[in-house]
PDB file of N, CA and C in Angstrom:
ATOM      1  N   MET A   1      85.396 138.945  86.199  1.00  0.00           N
ATOM      2  CA  MET A   1      86.289 137.969  86.816  1.00  0.00           C
ATOM      3  C   MET A   1      87.797 138.208  85.984  1.00  0.00           C
ATOM      4  N   THR A   2      88.715 138.043  87.060  1.00  0.00           N
ATOM      5  CA  THR A   2      89.898 138.304  86.291  1.00  0.00           C
ATOM      6  C   THR A   2      90.331 136.877  85.605  1.00  0.00           C
ATOM      7  N   LYS A   3      91.351 137.119  84.758  1.00  0.00           N
ATOM      8  CA  LYS A   3      91.825 136.140  84.160  1.00  0.00           C
ATOM      9  C   LYS A   3      92.376 134.941  84.836  1.00  0.00           C
ATOM     10  N   PRO A   4      93.291 135.393  86.051  1.00  0.00           N
ATOM     11  CA  PRO A   4      94.022 134.035  87.023  1.00  0.00           C
ATOM     12  C   PRO A   4      92.680 133.296  87.679  1.00  0.00           C
ATOM     13  N   LEU A   5      91.671 134.026  88.053  1.00  0.00           N
ATOM     14  CA  LEU A   5      90.623 133.512  88.813  1.00  0.00           C
ATOM     15  C   LEU A   5      89.822 132.373  87.950  1.00  0.00           C
ATOM     16  N   LYS A   6      89.383 133.171  86.667  1.00  0.00           N
ATOM     17  CA  LYS A   6      89.135 131.996  85.756  1.00  0.00           C
ATOM     18  C   LYS A   6      89.628 130.784  85.716  1.00  0.00           C
ATOM     19  N   ILE A   7      91.203 130.797  85.522  1.00  0.00           N
ATOM     20  CA  ILE A   7      91.962 129.772  85.329  1.00  0.00           C
ATOM     21  C   ILE A   7      91.857 128.843  86.433  1.00  0.00           C
ATOM     22  N   LEU A   8      91.932 129.558  87.666  1.00  0.00           N
ATOM     23  CA  LEU A   8      91.743 128.591  89.002  1.00  0.00           C
ATOM     24  C   LEU A   8      90.551 128.203  88.877  1.00  0.00           C
ATOM     25  N   LEU A   9      89.381 128.685  88.672  1.00  0.00           N
ATOM     26  CA  LEU A   9      88.181 127.841  88.789  1.00  0.00           C
ATOM     27  C   LEU A   9      87.900 127.011  87.560  1.00  0.00           C
ATOM     28  N   MET A  10      88.571 127.053  86.583  1.00  0.00           N
ATOM     29  CA  MET A  10      88.413 125.851  85.310  1.00  0.00           C
ATOM     30  C   MET A  10      89.264 124.847  86.224  1.00  0.00           C
ATOM     31  N   LEU A  11      90.661 125.012  86.592  1.00  0.00           N
ATOM     32  CA  LEU A  11      91.284 123.984  86.999  1.00  0.00           C
ATOM     33  C   LEU A  11      90.501 123.001  88.196  1.00  0.00           C
ATOM     34  N   LEU A  12      90.014 124.152  89.064  1.00  0.00           N
ATOM     35  CA  LEU A  12      89.261 123.224  90.283  1.00  0.00           C
ATOM     36  C   LEU A  12      88.176 122.287  89.694  1.00  0.00           C
ATOM     37  N   LEU A  13      87.323 123.163  88.739  1.00  0.00           N
ATOM     38  CA  LEU A  13      86.370 122.210  88.176  1.00  0.00           C
ATOM     39  C   LEU A  13      86.659 121.079  87.571  1.00  0.00           C
ATOM     40  N   THR A  14      87.648 121.201  86.689  1.00  0.00           N
ATOM     41  CA  THR A  14      88.483 119.844  86.121  1.00  0.00           C
ATOM     42  C   THR A  14      88.667 118.991  87.156  1.00  0.00           C
ATOM     43  N   VAL A  15      89.610 119.257  88.158  1.00  0.00           N
ATOM     44  CA  VAL A  15      90.150 118.513  89.163  1.00  0.00           C
ATOM     45  C   VAL A  15      88.684 117.610  89.868  1.00  0.00           C
ATOM     46  N   PHE A  16      87.770 118.358  90.285  1.00  0.00           N
ATOM     47  CA  PHE A  16      86.636 117.838  90.762  1.00  0.00           C
ATOM     48  C   PHE A  16      85.928 116.883  90.062  1.00  0.00           C
ATOM     49  N   SER A  17      86.022 117.262  88.732  1.00  0.00           N
ATOM     50  CA  SER A  17      85.045 116.280  87.624  1.00  0.00           C
ATOM     51  C   SER A  17      85.927 114.988  87.488  1.00  0.00           C
ATOM     52  N   LEU A  18      87.199 114.980  87.480  1.00  0.00           N
ATOM     53  CA  LEU A  18      87.950 113.808  87.327  1.00  0.00           C
ATOM     54  C   LEU A  18      87.884 113.095  88.532  1.00  0.00           C
ATOM     55  N   PHE A  19      87.850 113.738  89.616  1.00  0.00           N
ATOM     56  CA  PHE A  19      87.537 113.057  90.862  1.00  0.00           C
ATOM     57  C   PHE A  19      86.204 112.354  91.073  1.00  0.00           C
ATOM     58  N   ALA A  20      85.316 112.837  90.691  1.00  0.00           N
ATOM     59  CA  ALA A  20      83.709 112.260  90.579  1.00  0.00           C
ATOM     60  C   ALA A  20      83.779 111.186  89.728  1.00  0.00           C
ATOM     61  N   VAL A  21      84.390 111.154  88.537  1.00  0.00           N
ATOM     62  CA  VAL A  21      84.233 110.205  87.504  1.00  0.00           C
ATOM     63  C   VAL A  21      85.347 108.863  88.069  1.00  0.00           C
ATOM     64  N   THR A  22      86.358 109.257  88.773  1.00  0.00           N
ATOM     65  CA  THR A  22      87.071 107.997  89.216  1.00  0.00           C
ATOM     66  C   THR A  22      86.568 107.423  90.329  1.00  0.00           C
ATOM     67  N   PHE A  23      85.659 108.331  91.374  1.00  0.00           N
ATOM     68  CA  PHE A  23      85.055 107.854  92.589  1.00  0.00           C
ATOM     69  C   PHE A  23      83.933 107.035  92.069  1.00  0.00           C
ATOM     70  N   THR A  24      83.243 107.411  91.093  1.00  0.00           N
ATOM     71  CA  THR A  24      82.123 106.641  90.621  1.00  0.00           C
ATOM     72  C   THR A  24      82.577 105.083  90.067  1.00  0.00           C
ATOM     73  N   ILE A  25      83.624 105.399  89.395  1.00  0.00           N
ATOM     74  CA  ILE A  25      84.213 103.745  88.992  1.00  0.00           C
ATOM     75  C   ILE A  25      84.565 103.155  89.916  1.00  0.00           C
ATOM     76  N   TYR A  26      85.164 103.606  91.065  1.00  0.00           N
ATOM     77  CA  TYR A  26      85.496 102.838  92.281  1.00  0.00           C
ATOM     78  C   TYR A  26      84.342 102.512  93.165  1.00  0.00           C
ATOM     79  N   PHE A  27      83.311 103.298  93.218  1.00  0.00           N
ATOM     80  CA  PHE A  27      82.353 102.990  93.954  1.00  0.00           C
ATOM     81  C   PHE A  27      81.394 101.782  93.335  1.00  0.00           C
ATOM     82  N   PHE A  28      81.201 101.724  92.338  1.00  0.00           N
ATOM     83  CA  PHE A  28      80.541 100.639  91.585  1.00  0.00           C
ATOM     84  C   PHE A  28      81.174  99.757  91.056  1.00  0.00           C
ATOM     85  N   ASN A  29      82.650  99.540  91.229  1.00  0.00           N
ATOM     86  CA  ASN A  29      83.583  98.515  91.015  1.00  0.00           C
ATOM     87  C   ASN A  29      83.328  98.175  89.270  1.00  0.00           C
ATOM     88  N   LEU A  30      83.328  99.369  88.555  1.00  0.00           N
ATOM     89  CA  LEU A  30      83.077  99.358  87.194  1.00  0.00           C
ATOM     90  C   LEU A  30      84.416  98.773  86.335  1.00  0.00           C
ATOM     91  N   ASP A  31      85.414  98.943  87.119  1.00  0.00           N
ATOM     92  CA  ASP A  31      86.558  98.537  86.385  1.00  0.00           C
ATOM     93  C   ASP A  31      86.599  97.086  86.338  1.00  0.00           C
ATOM     94  N   MET A  32      86.415  96.222  87.395  1.00  0.00           N
ATOM     95  CA  MET A  32      86.062  94.895  87.271  1.00  0.00           C
ATOM     96  C   MET A  32      84.834  94.361  86.503  1.00  0.00           C
ATOM     97  N   LYS A  33      83.834  95.055  86.576  1.00  0.00           N
ATOM     98  CA  LYS A  33      82.836  94.522  85.773  1.00  0.00           C
ATOM     99  C   LYS A  33      83.203  94.594  84.155  1.00  0.00           C
ATOM    100  N   LEU A  34      83.850  95.837  83.947  1.00  0.00           N
ATOM    101  CA  LEU A  34      84.351  95.851  82.561  1.00  0.00           C
ATOM    102  C   LEU A  34      85.439  94.499  82.300  1.00  0.00           C
ATOM    103  N   THR A  35      86.221  94.351  82.952  1.00  0.00           N
ATOM    104  CA  THR A  35      87.192  93.475  82.907  1.00  0.00           C
ATOM    105  C   THR A  35      86.541  91.955  82.636  1.00  0.00           C
ATOM    106  N   SER A  36      85.362  91.677  83.401  1.00  0.00           N
ATOM    107  CA  SER A  36      84.848  90.454  83.322  1.00  0.00           C
ATOM    108  C   SER A  36      84.222  90.347  82.045  1.00  0.00           C
ATOM    109  N   LYS A  37      83.809  91.716  81.321  1.00  0.00           N
ATOM    110  CA  LYS A  37      82.919  91.401  79.934  1.00  0.00           C
ATOM    111  C   LYS A  37      84.044  91.109  78.875  1.00  0.00           C
ATOM    112  N   ILE A  38      85.427  91.725  79.200  1.00  0.00           N
ATOM    113  CA  ILE A  38      86.516  91.547  78.091  1.00  0.00           C
ATOM    114  C   ILE A  38      87.212  90.253  78.291  1.00  0.00           C
ATOM    115  N   GLU A  39      87.021  89.669  79.472  1.00  0.00           N
ATOM    116  CA  GLU A  39      88.244  88.506  79.494  1.00  0.00           C
ATOM    117  C   GLU A  39      87.819  87.295  78.942  1.00  0.00           C
ATOM    118  N   PRO A  40      86.556  86.803  78.108  1.00  0.00           N
ATOM    119  CA  PRO A  40      86.246  85.868  77.368  1.00  0.00           C
ATOM    120  C   PRO A  40      87.069  86.128  75.961  1.00  0.00           C
ATOM    121  N   ILE A  41      87.294  87.463  75.485  1.00  0.00           N
ATOM    122  CA  ILE A  41      87.887  87.964  74.401  1.00  0.00           C
ATOM    123  C   ILE A  41      89.281  87.688  74.402  1.00  0.00           C
ATOM    124  N   PHE A  42      89.939  88.035  75.659  1.00  0.00           N
ATOM    125  CA  PHE A  42      91.552  87.861  75.746  1.00  0.00           C
ATOM    126  C   PHE A  42      91.623  86.226  75.923  1.00  0.00           C
ATOM    127  N   LEU A  43      90.944  85.556  76.566  1.00  0.00           N
ATOM    128  CA  LEU A  43      91.165  84.136  76.943  1.00  0.00           C
ATOM    129  C   LEU A  43      91.276  83.286  75.434  1.00  0.00           C
ATOM    130  N   LYS A  44      90.062  83.718  74.679  1.00  0.00           N
ATOM    131  CA  LYS A  44      90.036  83.186  73.297  1.00  0.00           C
ATOM    132  C   LYS A  44      91.645  83.377  72.389  1.00  0.00           C
ATOM    133  N   HIS A  45      91.889  84.564  72.742  1.00  0.00           N
ATOM    134  CA  HIS A  45      92.829  85.128  71.960  1.00  0.00           C
ATOM    135  C   HIS A  45      94.128  84.244  72.641  1.00  0.00           C
ATOM    136  N   TYR A  46      94.418  84.367  73.760  1.00  0.00           N
ATOM    137  CA  TYR A  46      95.763  83.638  74.291  1.00  0.00           C
ATOM    138  C   TYR A  46      95.380  82.088  74.400  1.00  0.00           C
ATOM    139  N   ASP A  47      94.618  81.470  74.041  1.00  0.00           N
ATOM    140  CA  ASP A  47      94.300  80.293  73.953  1.00  0.00           C
ATOM    141  C   ASP A  47      94.728  79.650  72.524  1.00  0.00           C
ATOM    142  N   LYS A  48      94.690  80.363  71.655  1.00  0.00           N
ATOM    143  CA  LYS A  48      95.299  79.863  70.433  1.00  0.00           C
ATOM    144  C   LYS A  48      96.719  80.256  70.127  1.00  0.00           C
ATOM    145  N   ILE A  49      97.363  80.925  71.133  1.00  0.00           N
ATOM    146  CA  ILE A  49      98.968  80.934  71.122  1.00  0.00           C
ATOM    147  C   ILE A  49      99.629  79.806  71.263  1.00  0.00           C
ATOM    148  N   LYS A  50     100.750  79.486  70.241  1.00  0.00           N
ATOM    149  CA  LYS A  50     101.029  78.103  70.402  1.00  0.00           C
ATOM    150  C   LYS A  50     102.280  78.305  71.468  1.00  0.00           C
ATOM    151  N   ARG A  51     102.496  77.364  72.110  1.00  0.00           N
ATOM    152  CA  ARG A  51     103.273  77.428  73.535  1.00  0.00           C
ATOM    153  C   ARG A  51     104.373  76.428  73.379  1.00  0.00           C
ATOM    154  N   ASP A  52     105.593  77.052  73.834  1.00  0.00           N
ATOM    155  CA  ASP A  52     106.737  75.746  74.107  1.00  0.00           C
ATOM    156  C   ASP A  52     106.549  75.139  75.318  1.00  0.00           C
ATOM    157  N   LEU A  53     106.170  73.916  75.344  1.00  0.00           N
ATOM    158  CA  LEU A  53     106.079  73.342  76.734  1.00  0.00           C
ATOM    159  C   LEU A  53     107.349  72.822  77.450  1.00  0.00           C
ATOM    160  N   TYR A  54     108.416  72.893  76.790  1.00  0.00           N
ATOM    161  CA  TYR A  54     109.783  72.498  77.225  1.00  0.00           C
ATOM    162  C   TYR A  54     110.288  73.663  78.181  1.00  0.00           C
ATOM    163  N   LEU A  55     110.790  73.206  79.450  1.00  0.00           N
ATOM    164  CA  LEU A  55     111.379  74.043  80.256  1.00  0.00           C
ATOM    165  C   LEU A  55     112.882  73.957  80.265  1.00  0.00           C
TER     166      LEU A  55
END
């Protein structure tokens, strides 16, 4: 195989792999599932922050 063909093949494989990963994340709604697991940690942190209640 020539060098440009190898580079093109690697580029196509990389693009397809990234598409497959992002499609899987989208299809199974994994981003929101991860967010729901992390939310209690964020809430605990932001509930500790002192707030200025005056507008």
